[in-house]
Protein backbone atom coordinates (compact mmCIF):
# COMPACT_ATOMS: atom_id res chain seq x y z
CA MET A 1 -0.14 0.21 -0.21
CA LYS A 2 1.35 3.38 -0.93
CA LYS A 3 2.04 5.90 1.81
CA PHE A 4 1.34 9.43 0.47
CA LYS A 5 2.83 12.43 1.89
CA TYR A 6 2.31 16.05 1.14
CA LEU A 7 5.31 18.89 0.69
CA LYS A 8 4.22 22.10 1.81
CA ILE A 9 5.67 24.77 -0.56
CA SER A 10 3.49 27.59 1.57
CA ASN A 11 0.66 28.45 3.39
CA SER A 12 -1.48 27.69 0.57
CA LYS A 13 0.68 25.08 -1.52
CA LYS A 14 0.74 21.30 -0.59
CA LEU A 15 2.26 18.79 -3.25
CA ARG A 16 1.28 15.50 -2.55
CA TYR A 17 3.98 12.47 -3.42
CA ILE A 18 5.51 9.52 -2.42
CA ASP A 19 9.18 8.09 -1.98
CA ASN A 20 11.27 6.21 -0.24
CA TYR A 21 13.76 7.40 1.46
CA PHE A 22 17.58 7.19 1.73
CA LYS A 23 20.03 9.68 2.64
CA LYS A 24 23.13 8.93 0.14
CA LYS A 25 21.70 7.06 -2.38
CA LEU A 26 20.96 6.63 -5.82
CA TYR A 27 17.13 8.15 -6.45
CA ILE A 28 14.54 7.44 -9.26
CA ILE A 29 12.28 10.35 -9.75
CA PHE A 30 9.09 9.76 -11.54
CA LEU A 31 7.55 12.56 -13.08
CA PRO A 32 3.68 12.55 -14.60
CA GLY A 33 2.06 13.26 -17.60
CA PHE A 34 -0.63 15.71 -17.90
CA MET A 35 -3.91 15.73 -15.72
CA SER A 36 -2.19 12.45 -14.11
CA ASP A 37 -1.85 11.70 -10.81
CA ILE A 38 0.64 8.96 -8.80
CA ASP A 39 -2.43 6.77 -7.75
CA GLY A 40 -1.47 4.61 -11.03
CA LYS A 41 0.41 1.77 -12.04
CA LYS A 42 3.75 3.02 -13.08
CA PRO A 43 4.81 4.90 -9.83
CA THR A 44 3.60 2.22 -7.53
CA ALA A 45 5.87 -0.13 -10.48
CA PHE A 46 8.56 1.91 -9.72
CA LYS A 47 8.50 2.51 -6.13
CA ASN A 48 8.65 -1.95 -5.57
CA TYR A 49 11.26 -1.50 -7.98
CA ALA A 50 13.32 0.90 -5.94
CA VAL A 51 12.25 -0.67 -2.41
CA LYS A 52 13.61 -4.11 -4.07
CA ASN A 53 16.77 -2.71 -5.00
CA LYS A 54 16.83 -0.07 -2.22
CA LEU A 55 17.09 3.04 -3.90
CA GLY A 56 15.54 6.17 -3.28
CA PHE A 57 12.43 7.46 -5.06
CA LEU A 58 10.36 10.04 -5.61
CA ALA A 59 6.38 10.62 -7.54
CA ILE A 60 5.21 13.52 -7.23
CA GLU A 61 1.77 15.67 -8.31
CA TYR A 62 2.25 19.00 -9.22
CA SER A 63 -0.22 21.76 -8.62
CA GLY A 64 -3.87 21.30 -9.70
CA HIS A 65 -3.36 17.58 -10.35
CA GLY A 66 -4.73 14.54 -8.64
CA LYS A 67 -4.65 15.49 -4.81
CA SER A 68 -2.26 18.58 -4.64
CA SER A 69 -3.41 22.28 -3.79
CA GLY A 70 -4.51 24.38 -6.48
CA SER A 71 -6.19 24.98 -9.52
CA PHE A 72 -5.04 22.95 -13.10
CA THR A 73 -6.15 25.86 -14.82
CA LYS A 74 -3.67 28.37 -13.08
CA GLY A 75 -0.78 25.69 -13.75
CA ASN A 76 1.48 25.43 -16.69
CA ILE A 77 4.64 24.03 -17.83
CA THR A 78 6.83 26.64 -15.91
CA GLY A 79 5.16 26.06 -12.90
CA TRP A 80 4.73 22.36 -12.74
CA SER A 81 8.83 22.72 -13.51
CA ILE A 82 9.06 24.75 -10.61
CA ASP A 83 6.97 22.14 -8.57
CA ALA A 84 9.29 19.40 -9.83
CA LYS A 85 12.03 21.45 -9.25
CA ASN A 86 11.00 22.33 -5.19
CA SER A 87 9.94 18.60 -4.22
CA ILE A 88 13.54 17.29 -5.88
CA LYS A 89 15.64 20.24 -3.86
CA LYS A 90 13.63 19.48 -0.35
CA ILE A 91 13.32 15.60 -1.29
CA VAL A 92 16.13 14.19 -3.14
CA LYS A 93 18.53 17.08 -2.18
CA LYS A 94 22.35 16.08 -2.88
CA ASN A 95 21.86 12.51 -4.32
CA LYS A 96 22.15 11.37 -7.32
CA PHE A 97 19.22 10.43 -9.27
CA ILE A 98 17.91 9.10 -12.36
CA LEU A 99 14.80 10.89 -14.23
CA ILE A 100 11.69 9.47 -15.58
CA GLY A 101 9.49 11.35 -17.73
CA SER A 102 6.11 10.03 -18.72
CA SER A 103 4.67 11.74 -21.65
CA MET A 104 4.30 15.68 -20.37
CA GLY A 105 6.06 14.60 -17.47
CA ALA A 106 9.60 14.23 -20.16
CA TRP A 107 9.32 17.83 -21.13
CA ILE A 108 8.99 18.47 -17.50
CA ALA A 109 12.08 16.46 -17.25
CA VAL A 110 13.93 18.19 -19.49
CA ASN A 111 13.33 21.31 -17.80
CA GLN A 112 14.79 19.82 -14.96
CA PHE A 113 18.69 19.72 -16.80
CA LYS A 114 19.38 23.14 -16.41
CA HIS A 115 18.65 23.23 -12.27
CA PHE A 116 20.26 19.32 -11.96
CA LYS A 117 23.02 19.30 -14.78
CA ASN A 118 25.59 17.03 -11.94
CA GLN A 119 23.04 15.07 -10.11
CA ILE A 120 21.23 13.63 -13.28
CA LEU A 121 22.75 10.21 -14.56
CA GLY A 122 19.98 9.18 -16.59
CA PHE A 123 16.91 9.67 -18.46
CA VAL A 124 14.34 7.26 -19.00
CA GLY A 125 11.13 8.54 -21.08
CA ILE A 126 7.41 7.27 -22.03
CA GLY A 127 5.41 8.10 -24.69
CA SER A 128 7.54 11.14 -24.55
CA ALA A 129 5.26 14.62 -25.64
CA PRO A 130 7.86 17.73 -25.76
CA GLU A 131 6.27 20.89 -26.64
CA PHE A 132 2.71 18.79 -27.13
CA LEU A 133 0.66 21.64 -26.17
CA GLU A 134 1.32 23.81 -29.63
CA ARG A 135 2.94 20.54 -31.59
CA LEU A 136 -0.32 18.51 -30.95
CA MET A 137 -3.01 20.69 -29.99
CA TRP A 138 -2.99 23.92 -30.86
CA LYS A 139 -2.01 23.50 -34.44
CA LYS A 140 -4.90 20.58 -35.02
CA PHE A 141 -7.44 23.10 -33.01
CA PRO A 142 -10.40 23.86 -35.45
CA LYS A 143 -10.60 27.29 -36.11
CA LYS A 144 -14.09 27.44 -33.07
CA THR A 145 -11.87 26.36 -30.45
CA LYS A 146 -8.80 28.55 -31.09
CA ASN A 147 -11.19 31.52 -31.32
CA GLU A 148 -13.07 30.36 -27.62
CA ILE A 149 -9.09 29.78 -26.02
CA ILE A 150 -8.18 33.38 -27.33
CA THR A 151 -11.72 35.19 -26.57
CA LYS A 152 -12.60 33.38 -23.24
CA GLY A 153 -9.46 32.45 -21.92
CA LEU A 154 -10.92 28.51 -21.76
CA SER A 155 -12.07 25.57 -24.10
CA VAL A 156 -12.97 22.12 -22.38
CA ILE A 157 -11.35 19.47 -25.04
CA LYS A 158 -12.93 15.96 -24.78
CA ASN A 159 -10.64 13.15 -25.58
CA GLY A 160 -12.31 9.78 -25.36
CA LYS A 161 -13.74 9.77 -22.25
CA TYR A 162 -11.41 12.76 -20.67
CA LYS A 163 -11.63 16.54 -20.53
CA TYR A 164 -8.88 18.40 -20.63
CA PRO A 165 -9.59 22.39 -19.88
CA ILE A 166 -7.27 24.71 -22.28
CA THR A 167 -6.41 27.48 -21.28
CA ALA A 168 -4.67 30.76 -22.92
CA GLN A 169 -2.25 31.10 -20.72
CA LEU A 170 -1.27 27.62 -20.76
CA ILE A 171 -0.95 27.40 -24.47
CA LYS A 172 0.79 31.10 -24.14
CA ASP A 173 3.70 29.39 -21.53
CA GLY A 174 4.01 26.00 -23.71
CA ARG A 175 5.80 28.55 -26.44
CA LYS A 176 8.16 30.04 -23.58
CA ASN A 177 9.37 26.37 -22.30
CA LYS A 178 10.37 25.38 -25.72
CA ILE A 179 13.44 22.53 -25.49
CA LEU A 180 13.41 20.62 -29.00
CA SER A 181 16.18 23.44 -30.45
CA LYS A 182 18.25 22.88 -27.29
CA LYS A 183 21.27 20.66 -27.20
CA LEU A 184 22.23 19.13 -23.81
CA ARG A 185 25.96 18.01 -23.59
CA SER A 186 24.82 15.53 -20.81
CA LYS A 187 26.61 11.83 -21.51
CA ILE A 188 24.48 10.01 -19.49
CA LYS A 189 22.11 7.03 -20.93
CA VAL A 190 19.19 8.62 -22.73
CA ILE A 191 16.16 5.85 -23.31
CA MET A 192 13.11 7.20 -24.80
CA VAL A 193 10.16 4.31 -24.53
CA HIS A 194 7.34 4.43 -27.20
CA GLY A 195 3.91 2.08 -28.48
CA ASN A 196 3.80 1.97 -31.63
CA LYS A 197 -0.14 1.79 -31.57
CA ASP A 198 0.36 5.30 -29.51
CA GLU A 199 -2.80 7.27 -31.01
CA VAL A 200 -2.03 10.29 -28.16
CA VAL A 201 1.58 11.53 -29.04
CA PRO A 202 3.51 10.20 -32.57
CA VAL A 203 6.85 8.11 -32.16
CA SER A 204 8.52 10.85 -33.61
CA PHE A 205 8.37 12.96 -30.37
CA SER A 206 10.41 10.43 -28.84
CA ARG A 207 13.06 10.89 -31.51
CA LYS A 208 12.94 14.86 -31.10
CA ILE A 209 13.80 14.32 -27.27
CA LEU A 210 16.89 12.04 -28.54
CA SER A 211 17.98 14.45 -31.01
CA ILE A 212 18.63 17.38 -28.19
CA PHE A 213 21.25 14.81 -26.62
CA PRO A 214 24.24 14.60 -28.90
CA ASN A 215 26.67 13.14 -26.19
CA ALA A 216 24.14 10.88 -24.71
CA GLN A 217 24.53 7.05 -25.27
CA LYS A 218 20.98 7.12 -26.79
CA LYS A 219 18.24 4.38 -27.31
CA LEU A 220 14.69 3.93 -28.65
CA VAL A 221 12.67 1.22 -27.39
CA ILE A 222 9.50 0.88 -29.63
CA ILE A 223 7.15 -1.42 -28.07
CA ARG A 224 5.06 -3.44 -30.43
CA SER A 225 0.95 -3.12 -29.50
CA GLY A 226 2.05 -0.64 -27.25
CA ASP A 227 -0.50 2.30 -26.42
CA HIS A 228 0.34 5.88 -25.01
CA SER A 229 -0.12 5.00 -21.50
CA LEU A 230 1.98 2.07 -21.66
CA SER A 231 0.66 0.56 -18.15
CA ASN A 232 -0.19 -3.50 -18.27
CA ARG A 233 2.44 -5.82 -16.68
CA ASN A 234 4.17 -6.37 -20.19
CA HIS A 235 4.85 -2.98 -20.65
CA LEU A 236 5.97 -1.69 -17.15
CA ARG A 237 8.47 -5.16 -17.29
CA LYS A 238 9.96 -4.06 -20.35
CA ILE A 239 9.89 -0.19 -19.14
CA ILE A 240 11.75 -1.51 -15.70
CA LYS A 241 14.45 -4.04 -17.80
CA GLU A 242 15.71 -0.34 -19.37
CA LEU A 243 15.76 1.36 -16.48
CA ASN A 244 17.63 -1.48 -14.39
CA ASN A 245 20.28 -1.43 -17.61
CA ILE A 246 20.85 2.28 -16.10
CA VAL A 247 20.88 1.56 -12.87
CA LYS A 248 23.54 -1.35 -13.33
CA ASP A 249 26.28 0.93 -14.79
CA ILE A 250 26.13 3.61 -11.84
CA VAL A 251 25.22 1.57 -8.59
């Protein structure tokens, strides 16, 4: 059973997280996707792996996500990246770590390199969605949706059984967080895992992330019949196998 905790950021702000605390050990940090929480199978599987291998672990919910405080519609990539940075500083501290970013979490993960470059020893992306707000949402929205966002500041987008409230400030902030034109010179292992049946984010987005790491030991893993979430037992086993390959080189 997960033991959730809350990190107090201010009098009005607290972030929910789960961890496996170690003072001087390698950590695994899981950053979830857009409108996701830490109740799912991925954070559970990665925490179990960390416990089994006596590694530190941290998974957070950004503000406005899950049971963290705050309004989702006031959040954006900048704010959620700061949530991740603050959580890492307060919980992981000076420990070295491997980042795992799921969907939007991979975008948030790349934003952490400017703060923790020397602490990050590996990076795993799952269905990575860098710059998805502009490239996968805004550019594909019909004129009616764009006009609603511009005039009202908000439009609720339906995708299957999910509803996404998309704000004008979220789109604008996404444009300030462009990462795909950057070059990160880190020589760590960077592994992108993507399902070939992902109907939300094309595999090309994982390739785009690999391209910003010219000096890294890079690998793209395509999971046959894999969807966007890659949360079933077989998918998770394959992701953990890749994660373990990074851990083995470090520990």
